[in-house]
N, C-alpha and C. Protein backbone atom coordinates (compact mmCIF):
# COMPACT_ATOMS: atom_id res chain seq x y z
N UNK A 1 -10.83 22.93 -146.76
CA UNK A 1 -10.13 23.83 -146.54
C UNK A 1 -9.61 24.51 -148.58
N UNK A 2 -9.58 25.83 -148.10
CA UNK A 2 -9.70 26.21 -149.73
C UNK A 2 -7.98 26.36 -150.18
N UNK A 3 -7.72 26.30 -151.47
CA UNK A 3 -6.86 26.33 -151.85
C UNK A 3 -6.45 27.77 -152.06
N UNK A 4 -5.03 28.09 -151.65
CA UNK A 4 -4.59 29.68 -151.28
C UNK A 4 -3.86 29.89 -152.49
N UNK A 5 -4.30 30.74 -153.39
CA UNK A 5 -4.14 31.27 -154.74
C UNK A 5 -3.36 33.17 -154.48
N UNK A 6 -1.72 33.03 -155.00
CA UNK A 6 -1.67 34.56 -154.92
C UNK A 6 -1.44 35.08 -156.25
N UNK A 7 -2.18 36.14 -157.10
CA UNK A 7 -1.94 36.21 -158.44
C UNK A 7 -1.35 37.49 -158.73
N UNK A 8 -0.47 37.24 -159.52
CA UNK A 8 0.12 38.43 -159.81
C UNK A 8 0.21 39.16 -161.54
N UNK A 9 -0.69 40.13 -161.82
CA UNK A 9 -0.75 40.37 -163.26
C UNK A 9 -0.35 41.57 -163.66
N UNK A 10 -0.19 42.23 -164.83
CA UNK A 10 0.23 43.37 -165.04
C UNK A 10 -0.39 44.49 -165.17
N UNK A 11 -1.84 44.34 -165.16
CA UNK A 11 -3.16 45.43 -164.67
C UNK A 11 -4.34 44.90 -164.31
N UNK A 12 -5.51 46.05 -164.38
CA UNK A 12 -6.48 45.50 -164.13
C UNK A 12 -7.28 44.76 -164.80
N UNK A 13 -7.12 44.77 -166.01
CA UNK A 13 -7.71 44.14 -167.21
C UNK A 13 -7.38 42.29 -166.85
N UNK A 14 -6.20 41.86 -166.51
CA UNK A 14 -5.69 40.58 -166.40
C UNK A 14 -6.43 40.13 -165.37
N UNK A 15 -6.03 41.25 -164.32
CA UNK A 15 -6.64 40.61 -162.70
C UNK A 15 -8.24 40.59 -162.94
N UNK A 16 -8.94 41.16 -163.52
CA UNK A 16 -10.73 40.76 -164.20
C UNK A 16 -10.42 39.45 -164.86
N UNK A 17 -9.87 39.37 -165.57
CA UNK A 17 -9.80 37.99 -166.36
C UNK A 17 -9.59 36.74 -165.50
N UNK A 18 -8.49 37.01 -164.76
CA UNK A 18 -7.86 35.72 -163.81
C UNK A 18 -9.06 35.42 -163.13
N UNK A 19 -9.71 36.55 -162.17
CA UNK A 19 -10.61 36.21 -161.42
C UNK A 19 -11.39 35.21 -161.68
N UNK A 20 -12.29 35.80 -163.19
CA UNK A 20 -13.25 35.15 -163.65
C UNK A 20 -13.11 33.66 -163.62
N UNK A 21 -11.83 33.57 -164.64
CA UNK A 21 -11.14 32.09 -164.66
C UNK A 21 -10.91 31.17 -163.79
N UNK A 22 -10.64 31.71 -162.49
CA UNK A 22 -10.20 31.04 -161.32
C UNK A 22 -11.74 30.60 -161.23
N UNK A 23 -12.38 31.50 -160.87
CA UNK A 23 -14.02 31.12 -160.23
C UNK A 23 -14.52 29.92 -161.40
N UNK A 24 -14.43 29.69 -162.51
CA UNK A 24 -14.99 29.56 -163.36
C UNK A 24 -13.98 27.62 -163.08
N UNK A 25 -12.97 27.95 -163.35
CA UNK A 25 -12.12 26.45 -162.90
C UNK A 25 -12.28 25.89 -161.89
N UNK A 26 -12.27 26.76 -160.77
CA UNK A 26 -12.75 26.28 -159.40
C UNK A 26 -14.50 25.46 -159.22
N UNK A 27 -15.00 26.34 -160.26
CA UNK A 27 -16.55 25.53 -159.89
C UNK A 27 -16.51 24.41 -160.57
N UNK A 28 -15.49 24.33 -161.92
CA UNK A 28 -15.69 23.23 -162.64
C UNK A 28 -14.88 21.57 -161.60
N UNK A 29 -14.15 22.16 -161.04
CA UNK A 29 -13.30 21.17 -160.13
C UNK A 29 -14.06 21.00 -158.87
N UNK A 30 -14.92 21.57 -158.17
CA UNK A 30 -15.52 21.71 -157.16
C UNK A 30 -14.27 21.80 -156.08
N UNK A 31 -13.84 22.85 -156.44
CA UNK A 31 -12.65 23.23 -155.61
C UNK A 31 -12.93 24.99 -154.94
N UNK A 32 -12.80 24.87 -153.49
CA UNK A 32 -12.93 26.06 -152.69
C UNK A 32 -11.57 26.68 -152.70
N UNK A 33 -11.28 28.02 -152.92
CA UNK A 33 -10.20 28.93 -153.55
C UNK A 33 -10.47 30.34 -152.47
N UNK A 34 -9.08 30.28 -152.38
CA UNK A 34 -9.07 31.82 -151.93
C UNK A 34 -7.84 32.46 -152.28
N UNK A 35 -8.80 33.49 -153.26
CA UNK A 35 -7.74 34.42 -154.00
C UNK A 35 -7.24 35.61 -153.91
N UNK A 36 -5.64 35.92 -153.48
CA UNK A 36 -5.35 37.36 -153.09
C UNK A 36 -4.15 37.91 -154.27
N UNK A 37 -4.83 38.95 -154.79
CA UNK A 37 -3.85 40.17 -155.49
C UNK A 37 -2.84 40.51 -154.97
N UNK A 38 -1.91 39.80 -155.63
CA UNK A 38 -0.29 40.47 -154.51
C UNK A 38 0.08 41.83 -155.73
N UNK A 39 -0.32 42.05 -156.97
CA UNK A 39 0.56 42.85 -157.90
C UNK A 39 -0.65 43.09 -158.92
N UNK A 40 -1.01 43.98 -159.64
CA UNK A 40 -2.10 44.24 -160.70
C UNK A 40 -2.15 45.63 -160.96
N UNK A 41 -1.12 45.99 -161.37
CA UNK A 41 -1.30 47.41 -162.03
C UNK A 41 0.20 47.69 -162.76
N UNK A 42 0.16 48.92 -163.67
CA UNK A 42 1.54 49.16 -164.09
C UNK A 42 2.38 48.52 -165.34
N UNK A 43 1.95 47.37 -165.59
CA UNK A 43 2.24 46.72 -166.79
C UNK A 43 3.97 45.85 -166.48
N UNK A 44 4.14 45.40 -167.66
CA UNK A 44 5.15 43.69 -167.69
C UNK A 44 6.28 44.33 -166.47
N UNK A 45 7.30 45.53 -166.92
CA UNK A 45 8.54 45.35 -165.93
C UNK A 45 8.24 45.58 -164.47
N UNK A 46 7.15 46.11 -164.05
CA UNK A 46 6.73 46.37 -162.69
C UNK A 46 6.25 45.08 -161.86
N UNK A 47 5.57 44.50 -162.88
CA UNK A 47 5.04 43.26 -162.19
C UNK A 47 6.77 42.42 -162.19
N UNK A 48 7.10 42.25 -162.85
CA UNK A 48 8.45 41.69 -162.82
C UNK A 48 9.61 41.83 -161.54
N UNK A 49 9.33 42.96 -161.72
CA UNK A 49 10.05 43.63 -160.19
C UNK A 49 9.43 43.05 -159.21
N UNK A 50 8.23 43.45 -158.74
CA UNK A 50 7.27 43.19 -157.97
C UNK A 50 7.44 41.37 -157.52
N UNK A 51 7.31 41.09 -158.68
CA UNK A 51 7.40 39.55 -158.32
C UNK A 51 8.68 39.08 -157.63
N UNK A 52 9.83 39.63 -158.06
CA UNK A 52 11.05 39.59 -157.28
C UNK A 52 11.11 39.71 -155.70
N UNK A 53 10.14 40.91 -155.80
CA UNK A 53 10.59 41.58 -154.20
C UNK A 53 9.52 40.80 -153.33
N UNK A 54 8.10 40.31 -153.58
CA UNK A 54 7.34 39.34 -153.03
C UNK A 54 8.22 38.18 -152.77
N UNK A 55 8.83 37.75 -153.91
CA UNK A 55 9.04 36.22 -153.55
C UNK A 55 10.32 36.52 -152.67
N UNK A 56 11.04 37.70 -152.38
CA UNK A 56 12.11 37.51 -151.18
C UNK A 56 11.27 37.91 -149.86
N UNK A 57 10.21 38.40 -150.16
CA UNK A 57 9.15 38.22 -148.73
C UNK A 57 8.74 37.39 -148.50
N UNK A 58 8.17 36.24 -149.15
CA UNK A 58 7.76 35.09 -148.89
C UNK A 58 8.78 34.02 -148.60
N UNK A 59 9.90 34.38 -148.92
CA UNK A 59 10.92 33.35 -148.46
C UNK A 59 11.62 33.69 -147.28
N UNK A 60 11.08 34.55 -146.88
CA UNK A 60 11.43 35.18 -145.20
C UNK A 60 10.53 35.04 -144.32
N UNK A 61 9.29 34.46 -144.81
CA UNK A 61 8.17 34.26 -144.10
C UNK A 61 8.01 32.77 -143.67
N UNK A 62 6.85 32.57 -143.21
CA UNK A 62 6.63 31.60 -142.71
C UNK A 62 5.84 30.41 -143.57
N UNK A 63 4.96 30.77 -144.87
CA UNK A 63 4.71 30.11 -145.53
C UNK A 63 4.08 30.95 -146.80
N UNK A 64 4.16 30.01 -147.98
CA UNK A 64 3.68 30.39 -149.66
C UNK A 64 2.37 30.44 -149.53
N UNK A 65 1.96 30.57 -150.49
CA UNK A 65 0.37 29.71 -151.29
C UNK A 65 0.48 28.99 -151.49
N UNK A 66 -0.53 28.45 -151.84
CA UNK A 66 -0.86 26.48 -152.28
C UNK A 66 -0.17 26.97 -154.02
N UNK A 67 -0.52 27.81 -154.60
CA UNK A 67 -0.43 28.17 -155.71
C UNK A 67 0.05 29.58 -156.43
N UNK A 68 0.76 29.77 -157.32
CA UNK A 68 1.16 31.28 -157.35
C UNK A 68 0.52 31.19 -158.79
N UNK A 69 -0.22 32.36 -159.28
CA UNK A 69 -0.67 32.26 -161.06
C UNK A 69 -0.40 33.82 -161.47
N UNK A 70 0.23 33.77 -162.51
CA UNK A 70 0.83 34.56 -163.13
C UNK A 70 -0.02 34.90 -164.50
N UNK A 71 -0.44 36.10 -164.69
CA UNK A 71 -0.92 36.61 -165.97
C UNK A 71 -0.74 37.30 -166.75
N UNK A 72 0.48 37.47 -168.16
CA UNK A 72 1.28 38.76 -168.25
C UNK A 72 1.29 38.20 -170.05
N UNK A 73 0.67 39.65 -170.56
CA UNK A 73 0.70 39.03 -172.41
C UNK A 73 1.71 38.88 -172.70
N UNK A 74 2.04 38.49 -173.66
CA UNK A 74 2.41 37.94 -174.67
C UNK A 74 3.36 39.14 -175.73
N UNK A 75 2.48 40.00 -175.90
CA UNK A 75 2.73 41.27 -176.71
C UNK A 75 3.85 40.53 -177.52
N UNK A 76 4.76 41.43 -178.12
CA UNK A 76 5.53 41.32 -179.61
C UNK A 76 6.55 39.98 -179.34
N UNK A 77 6.82 39.62 -178.02
CA UNK A 77 7.94 38.53 -177.71
C UNK A 77 7.24 37.40 -178.12
N UNK A 78 5.94 37.43 -177.87
CA UNK A 78 5.17 35.79 -177.38
C UNK A 78 4.93 35.16 -176.68
N UNK A 79 4.13 34.12 -176.45
CA UNK A 79 4.13 34.09 -175.18
C UNK A 79 4.78 32.60 -174.57
N UNK A 80 5.87 31.88 -175.88
CA UNK A 80 6.73 31.40 -174.96
C UNK A 80 7.68 31.78 -174.41
N UNK A 81 8.57 32.70 -175.32
CA UNK A 81 9.60 33.77 -174.27
C UNK A 81 8.81 34.22 -173.09
N UNK A 82 7.47 35.28 -172.79
CA UNK A 82 7.37 35.81 -171.92
C UNK A 82 7.08 34.58 -171.05
N UNK A 83 6.67 33.26 -171.06
CA UNK A 83 6.60 32.42 -170.25
C UNK A 83 7.78 31.88 -169.13
N UNK A 84 8.96 31.87 -170.19
CA UNK A 84 10.21 31.54 -169.67
C UNK A 84 10.59 32.75 -169.23
N UNK A 85 10.54 33.92 -169.29
CA UNK A 85 10.92 35.26 -168.61
C UNK A 85 10.47 35.07 -166.94
N UNK A 86 9.27 34.57 -166.75
CA UNK A 86 8.69 34.09 -165.55
C UNK A 86 9.15 33.03 -164.82
N UNK A 87 9.63 32.07 -165.69
CA UNK A 87 9.65 30.76 -164.85
C UNK A 87 11.06 31.13 -164.48
N UNK A 88 12.06 31.97 -165.47
CA UNK A 88 13.35 32.28 -164.85
C UNK A 88 13.37 32.99 -163.45
N UNK A 89 12.17 33.83 -163.53
CA UNK A 89 12.30 34.71 -162.36
C UNK A 89 11.81 34.49 -161.17
N UNK A 90 11.01 32.90 -160.85
CA UNK A 90 10.47 32.15 -159.85
C UNK A 90 11.70 31.20 -158.78
N UNK A 91 11.67 31.19 -158.23
CA UNK A 91 12.55 30.29 -157.01
C UNK A 91 11.37 29.17 -156.93
N UNK A 92 11.65 27.79 -157.27
CA UNK A 92 11.03 26.44 -157.10
C UNK A 92 10.76 26.35 -155.73
N UNK A 93 11.44 26.73 -155.13
CA UNK A 93 12.07 26.43 -153.92
C UNK A 93 10.50 27.61 -152.42
N UNK A 94 10.43 29.08 -153.29
CA UNK A 94 9.53 29.68 -152.81
C UNK A 94 8.45 28.93 -153.24
N UNK A 95 7.92 28.99 -154.35
CA UNK A 95 6.65 29.05 -155.35
C UNK A 95 6.82 27.64 -156.17
N UNK A 96 6.53 26.42 -154.86
CA UNK A 96 6.67 24.88 -156.08
C UNK A 96 5.51 24.63 -157.16
N UNK A 97 4.52 25.54 -156.73
CA UNK A 97 3.06 25.42 -157.46
C UNK A 97 2.98 26.43 -158.40
N UNK A 98 3.27 26.67 -159.60
CA UNK A 98 2.82 28.23 -160.65
C UNK A 98 2.16 27.77 -161.41
N UNK A 99 1.10 28.39 -161.91
CA UNK A 99 0.49 28.55 -163.49
C UNK A 99 0.76 29.48 -164.24
N UNK A 100 0.92 29.62 -165.12
CA UNK A 100 1.35 31.18 -165.80
C UNK A 100 0.40 31.34 -167.05
N UNK A 101 -0.20 32.28 -167.39
CA UNK A 101 -1.02 32.66 -168.32
C UNK A 101 -0.42 33.48 -169.25
N UNK A 102 -0.02 33.43 -170.77
CA UNK A 102 0.37 34.34 -171.60
C UNK A 102 -0.85 34.71 -172.91
N UNK A 103 -1.56 35.24 -172.62
CA UNK A 103 -2.29 35.63 -173.70
C UNK A 103 -1.70 36.40 -174.75
N UNK A 104 -1.85 36.02 -176.00
CA UNK A 104 -1.19 36.01 -177.34
C UNK A 104 -2.11 36.79 -178.29
N UNK A 105 -1.95 38.17 -178.69
CA UNK A 105 -0.49 39.11 -178.09
C UNK A 105 -1.28 39.87 -176.54
N UNK A 106 -2.88 39.99 -176.37
CA UNK A 106 -3.15 40.25 -175.11
C UNK A 106 -4.20 39.83 -174.50
N UNK A 107 -4.70 40.25 -173.17
CA UNK A 107 -5.62 39.41 -172.50
C UNK A 107 -7.03 39.52 -173.36
N UNK A 108 -7.27 40.85 -174.25
CA UNK A 108 -8.53 41.13 -174.80
C UNK A 108 -8.69 40.00 -175.66
N UNK A 109 -7.60 39.32 -176.39
CA UNK A 109 -7.83 38.48 -177.71
C UNK A 109 -8.68 37.00 -176.65
N UNK A 110 -8.31 37.08 -175.40
CA UNK A 110 -9.16 35.83 -174.76
C UNK A 110 -10.45 36.10 -174.19
N UNK A 111 -11.23 37.49 -174.41
CA UNK A 111 -12.28 38.20 -174.13
C UNK A 111 -13.33 37.88 -175.29
N UNK A 112 -12.40 37.80 -176.99
CA UNK A 112 -13.06 37.50 -177.73
C UNK A 112 -13.01 36.05 -178.46
N UNK A 113 -12.43 35.36 -177.76
CA UNK A 113 -12.07 33.86 -178.28
C UNK A 113 -13.04 33.19 -178.47
N UNK A 114 -14.40 33.27 -177.95
CA UNK A 114 -15.62 32.14 -178.62
C UNK A 114 -16.60 33.70 -179.23
N UNK A 115 -16.48 34.14 -180.32
CA UNK A 115 -17.34 34.93 -181.13
C UNK A 115 -18.55 34.47 -180.70
N UNK A 116 -19.00 33.65 -181.22
CA UNK A 116 -20.23 32.57 -181.21
C UNK A 116 -21.29 32.96 -179.86
N UNK A 117 -20.40 32.44 -178.67
CA UNK A 117 -20.75 32.75 -177.27
C UNK A 117 -21.26 34.28 -177.11
N UNK A 118 -20.00 34.96 -177.49
CA UNK A 118 -20.39 36.58 -177.35
C UNK A 118 -21.17 37.23 -178.07
N UNK A 119 -21.56 36.73 -179.12
CA UNK A 119 -22.58 37.27 -180.09
C UNK A 119 -24.12 36.87 -179.15
N UNK A 120 -24.02 35.64 -178.65
CA UNK A 120 -25.15 34.90 -178.20
C UNK A 120 -25.80 35.67 -177.02
N UNK A 121 -24.38 35.85 -176.34
CA UNK A 121 -24.59 36.82 -174.87
C UNK A 121 -24.97 38.48 -174.73
N UNK A 122 -23.94 38.85 -175.67
CA UNK A 122 -23.93 40.11 -175.69
C UNK A 122 -24.77 41.03 -176.89
N UNK A 123 -25.14 40.11 -177.84
CA UNK A 123 -25.89 40.18 -178.93
C UNK A 123 -24.96 41.25 -180.00
N UNK A 124 -23.92 41.28 -180.09
CA UNK A 124 -22.88 41.66 -181.13
C UNK A 124 -21.84 40.65 -181.43
N UNK A 125 -21.92 40.49 -182.53
CA UNK A 125 -20.66 39.41 -183.63
C UNK A 125 -19.42 40.40 -183.49
N UNK A 126 -18.33 40.17 -182.58
CA UNK A 126 -16.99 41.05 -182.55
C UNK A 126 -15.98 40.46 -183.96
N UNK A 127 -15.24 41.53 -183.77
CA UNK A 127 -14.37 41.08 -185.32
C UNK A 127 -13.29 40.47 -184.60
N UNK A 128 -12.99 39.43 -184.90
CA UNK A 128 -12.04 38.63 -184.61
C UNK A 128 -11.12 37.96 -185.95
N UNK A 129 -11.00 38.87 -186.89
CA UNK A 129 -10.03 38.61 -188.06
C UNK A 129 -8.73 38.77 -187.42
N UNK A 130 -7.72 37.85 -187.99
CA UNK A 130 -6.46 37.75 -187.29
C UNK A 130 -5.73 38.98 -187.68
N UNK A 131 -4.97 39.04 -186.61
CA UNK A 131 -4.22 40.65 -186.27
C UNK A 131 -3.31 39.92 -184.87
N UNK A 132 -2.15 40.90 -184.81
CA UNK A 132 -1.35 40.63 -183.56
C UNK A 132 -1.27 41.99 -183.23
N UNK A 133 -2.09 42.80 -183.51
CA UNK A 133 -2.00 44.31 -183.22
C UNK A 133 -2.97 44.53 -182.04
N UNK A 134 -2.13 44.95 -180.58
CA UNK A 134 -2.72 44.68 -178.98
C UNK A 134 -3.63 45.91 -179.37
N UNK A 135 -3.52 47.02 -179.69
CA UNK A 135 -4.39 47.98 -179.67
C UNK A 135 -5.88 47.87 -180.62
N UNK A 136 -5.64 46.71 -181.73
CA UNK A 136 -6.76 46.49 -182.70
C UNK A 136 -7.70 45.65 -181.83
N UNK A 137 -6.84 44.64 -180.79
CA UNK A 137 -8.03 43.58 -179.84
C UNK A 137 -8.64 44.70 -179.03
N UNK A 138 -7.82 45.63 -178.25
CA UNK A 138 -8.42 46.25 -177.38
C UNK A 138 -10.10 47.02 -177.81
N UNK A 139 -9.50 47.90 -178.70
CA UNK A 139 -10.37 48.53 -180.01
C UNK A 139 -11.63 47.40 -180.19
N UNK A 140 -11.50 46.23 -180.86
CA UNK A 140 -12.45 45.30 -181.56
C UNK A 140 -13.41 45.00 -179.66
N UNK A 141 -12.76 44.84 -178.92
CA UNK A 141 -13.62 44.53 -177.97
C UNK A 141 -14.40 45.69 -177.21
N UNK A 142 -13.60 46.68 -177.24
CA UNK A 142 -14.51 48.41 -176.63
C UNK A 142 -15.47 48.17 -177.77
N UNK A 143 -15.61 48.39 -179.22
CA UNK A 143 -16.41 48.83 -180.13
C UNK A 143 -17.41 47.02 -179.92
N UNK A 144 -17.07 46.22 -179.77
CA UNK A 144 -18.44 45.53 -179.86
C UNK A 144 -19.40 45.59 -178.62
N UNK A 145 -18.83 45.83 -177.01
CA UNK A 145 -19.19 46.17 -176.36
C UNK A 145 -20.11 47.40 -176.34
N UNK A 146 -19.85 48.50 -176.86
CA UNK A 146 -20.43 49.79 -177.11
C UNK A 146 -21.76 49.09 -178.07
N UNK A 147 -21.24 48.58 -179.22
CA UNK A 147 -22.31 48.33 -180.24
C UNK A 147 -23.45 47.87 -179.76
N UNK A 148 -23.35 46.86 -178.65
CA UNK A 148 -24.46 46.47 -178.04
C UNK A 148 -24.95 47.67 -176.53
N UNK A 149 -24.41 48.58 -177.20
CA UNK A 149 -25.17 49.41 -176.12
C UNK A 149 -24.92 49.35 -174.38
N UNK A 150 -23.35 48.94 -174.41
CA UNK A 150 -22.94 48.50 -173.21
C UNK A 150 -22.24 49.82 -172.86
N UNK A 151 -22.18 50.09 -171.41
CA UNK A 151 -21.09 51.41 -171.39
C UNK A 151 -19.70 50.70 -170.63
N UNK A 152 -19.01 51.43 -171.46
CA UNK A 152 -17.50 50.47 -171.00
C UNK A 152 -16.78 51.60 -170.31
N UNK A 153 -16.61 51.42 -169.01
CA UNK A 153 -15.39 51.91 -168.32
C UNK A 153 -14.01 51.58 -167.91
N UNK A 154 -13.65 50.35 -168.14
CA UNK A 154 -12.64 49.92 -168.08
C UNK A 154 -12.19 49.12 -169.08
N UNK A 155 -12.07 49.45 -170.34
CA UNK A 155 -11.48 48.83 -171.72
C UNK A 155 -12.08 47.67 -171.80
N UNK A 156 -13.62 47.64 -171.19
CA UNK A 156 -14.21 45.97 -171.65
C UNK A 156 -13.92 44.80 -170.34
N UNK A 157 -12.77 44.90 -169.73
CA UNK A 157 -12.42 43.73 -168.64
C UNK A 157 -13.59 43.83 -167.80
N UNK A 158 -14.02 44.94 -167.43
CA UNK A 158 -15.23 45.09 -166.63
C UNK A 158 -16.44 43.71 -167.15
N UNK A 159 -16.28 43.11 -167.71
CA UNK A 159 -17.59 42.43 -168.59
C UNK A 159 -17.02 40.81 -168.61
N UNK A 160 -15.44 40.79 -167.89
CA UNK A 160 -14.94 39.47 -167.95
C UNK A 160 -15.95 38.36 -167.16
N UNK A 161 -16.31 38.58 -166.40
CA UNK A 161 -17.31 37.83 -165.41
C UNK A 161 -18.75 36.89 -166.42
N UNK A 162 -19.37 37.65 -167.10
CA UNK A 162 -20.52 37.66 -168.25
C UNK A 162 -19.81 37.14 -169.47
N UNK A 163 -18.26 37.54 -170.03
CA UNK A 163 -17.93 36.83 -170.98
C UNK A 163 -17.69 35.49 -170.88
N UNK A 164 -16.61 35.46 -170.04
CA UNK A 164 -15.87 34.33 -169.68
C UNK A 164 -17.25 33.15 -169.06
N UNK A 165 -18.04 33.66 -168.23
CA UNK A 165 -19.39 33.14 -167.97
C UNK A 165 -20.39 32.31 -168.93
N UNK A 166 -20.19 33.64 -170.04
CA UNK A 166 -21.19 32.04 -171.20
C UNK A 166 -20.48 31.48 -172.20
N UNK A 167 -18.77 31.61 -172.25
CA UNK A 167 -18.11 31.36 -173.08
C UNK A 167 -17.94 29.58 -173.14
N UNK A 168 -18.26 29.27 -174.24
CA UNK A 168 -17.47 27.78 -174.25
C UNK A 168 -15.87 27.63 -174.51
N UNK A 169 -15.50 27.03 -173.28
CA UNK A 169 -14.17 27.28 -173.19
C UNK A 169 -13.58 26.22 -173.79
N UNK A 170 -14.18 25.08 -174.57
CA UNK A 170 -13.80 24.45 -175.28
C UNK A 170 -13.38 24.77 -176.60
N UNK A 171 -14.53 25.33 -176.97
CA UNK A 171 -14.53 26.11 -178.45
C UNK A 171 -13.27 26.86 -178.52
N UNK A 172 -13.36 27.74 -177.07
CA UNK A 172 -12.45 29.15 -177.06
C UNK A 172 -11.10 28.87 -177.17
N UNK A 173 -10.77 27.50 -176.53
CA UNK A 173 -9.40 27.07 -176.08
C UNK A 173 -8.94 26.88 -177.55
N UNK A 174 -9.56 26.16 -178.27
CA UNK A 174 -9.43 25.80 -179.53
C UNK A 174 -9.14 26.92 -180.71
N UNK A 175 -9.61 27.86 -180.65
CA UNK A 175 -9.34 29.00 -181.43
C UNK A 175 -8.54 29.70 -180.97
N UNK A 176 -8.13 29.98 -179.49
CA UNK A 176 -7.07 30.70 -179.21
C UNK A 176 -6.23 29.80 -177.92
N UNK A 177 -5.35 29.38 -178.48
CA UNK A 177 -4.68 27.95 -177.64
C UNK A 177 -4.05 28.45 -176.31
N UNK A 178 -3.53 29.66 -175.98
CA UNK A 178 -2.66 30.34 -175.10
C UNK A 178 -3.68 30.06 -173.80
N UNK A 179 -5.44 30.32 -174.62
CA UNK A 179 -6.63 30.45 -173.63
C UNK A 179 -6.93 28.69 -172.87
N UNK A 180 -6.65 28.06 -174.06
CA UNK A 180 -7.07 26.73 -173.63
C UNK A 180 -5.73 26.21 -172.97
N UNK A 181 -4.79 26.49 -173.16
CA UNK A 181 -3.58 25.97 -172.56
C UNK A 181 -3.72 26.43 -170.82
N UNK A 182 -4.13 27.55 -170.81
CA UNK A 182 -4.46 28.40 -169.40
C UNK A 182 -5.09 27.73 -168.21
N UNK A 183 -6.52 27.12 -169.45
CA UNK A 183 -7.49 27.10 -168.50
C UNK A 183 -7.59 25.18 -168.22
N UNK A 184 -6.45 24.41 -169.12
CA UNK A 184 -6.35 22.85 -168.90
C UNK A 184 -5.28 23.11 -167.75
N UNK A 185 -3.95 23.75 -167.59
CA UNK A 185 -3.48 23.77 -166.77
C UNK A 185 -4.04 24.04 -165.23
N UNK A 186 -4.64 25.27 -165.21
CA UNK A 186 -5.48 25.67 -164.34
C UNK A 186 -6.30 24.75 -162.98
N UNK A 187 -7.26 24.11 -164.27
CA UNK A 187 -7.86 23.27 -163.50
C UNK A 187 -7.33 22.01 -163.03
N UNK A 188 -6.28 21.57 -164.18
CA UNK A 188 -5.44 20.37 -163.76
C UNK A 188 -4.75 20.42 -162.29
N UNK A 189 -4.40 21.69 -162.19
CA UNK A 189 -3.49 22.41 -160.75
C UNK A 189 -4.28 22.26 -159.82
N UNK A 190 -5.42 22.62 -159.84
CA UNK A 190 -6.43 22.98 -158.93
C UNK A 190 -7.08 21.65 -158.08
N UNK A 191 -7.20 20.52 -159.39
CA UNK A 191 -7.77 19.51 -159.07
C UNK A 191 -6.37 18.46 -158.14
N UNK A 192 -5.48 18.98 -159.04
CA UNK A 192 -3.95 18.01 -157.98
C UNK A 192 -4.10 18.22 -156.53
N UNK A 193 -4.33 19.99 -156.36
CA UNK A 193 -4.04 20.64 -155.02
C UNK A 193 -4.89 20.24 -154.36
N UNK A 194 -6.19 20.03 -154.74
CA UNK A 194 -7.20 19.62 -153.97
C UNK A 194 -7.09 18.24 -153.57
N UNK A 195 -6.88 17.41 -154.18
CA UNK A 195 -6.60 16.01 -153.98
C UNK A 195 -5.59 15.75 -152.84
N UNK A 196 -4.28 16.91 -152.66
CA UNK A 196 -3.24 16.47 -151.87
C UNK A 196 -3.84 17.04 -150.39
N UNK A 197 -4.58 17.86 -150.61
CA UNK A 197 -4.89 18.48 -148.97
C UNK A 197 -5.48 17.46 -147.80
């Protein structure tokens, strides 16, 4: 029986990355998953509103997913504060199992977390010098893909399967701790849910 996951994220890029990472984690843990996207557009404020509304709907209905997965950028407030904001909004009686990913500062940083694998697979070494500027991370991803003659139509997130699929997640997680923490927590949660099914 699959592990049922509901995904809440702030936009299409987060959805693409979450789908890729869930598939990889499920494959590593030999767990079948069923993923339903409940929200994936219009940024952080809307995500929070829709999460509260969705929670009320689930509370009145007969069942909730096995896992609620939330992916939301740390942005300027940072991953710890953003994570706390989401935890505070969730009723544990409705969603007893939750995994929250908070890319710092943005999900494009996760896509560039392993420049060695990125260069080996895409053919271009991306710029990964330190910066907290979201716009620079987004531009770096697009620039690296465009330099490899890739056609970028969705900010680079459309390459998440290839990028994460070729990534050394251990090395990437050491380089970008928010990615490592998310992958580790997701794998452990899938393993636990599968064992208790």
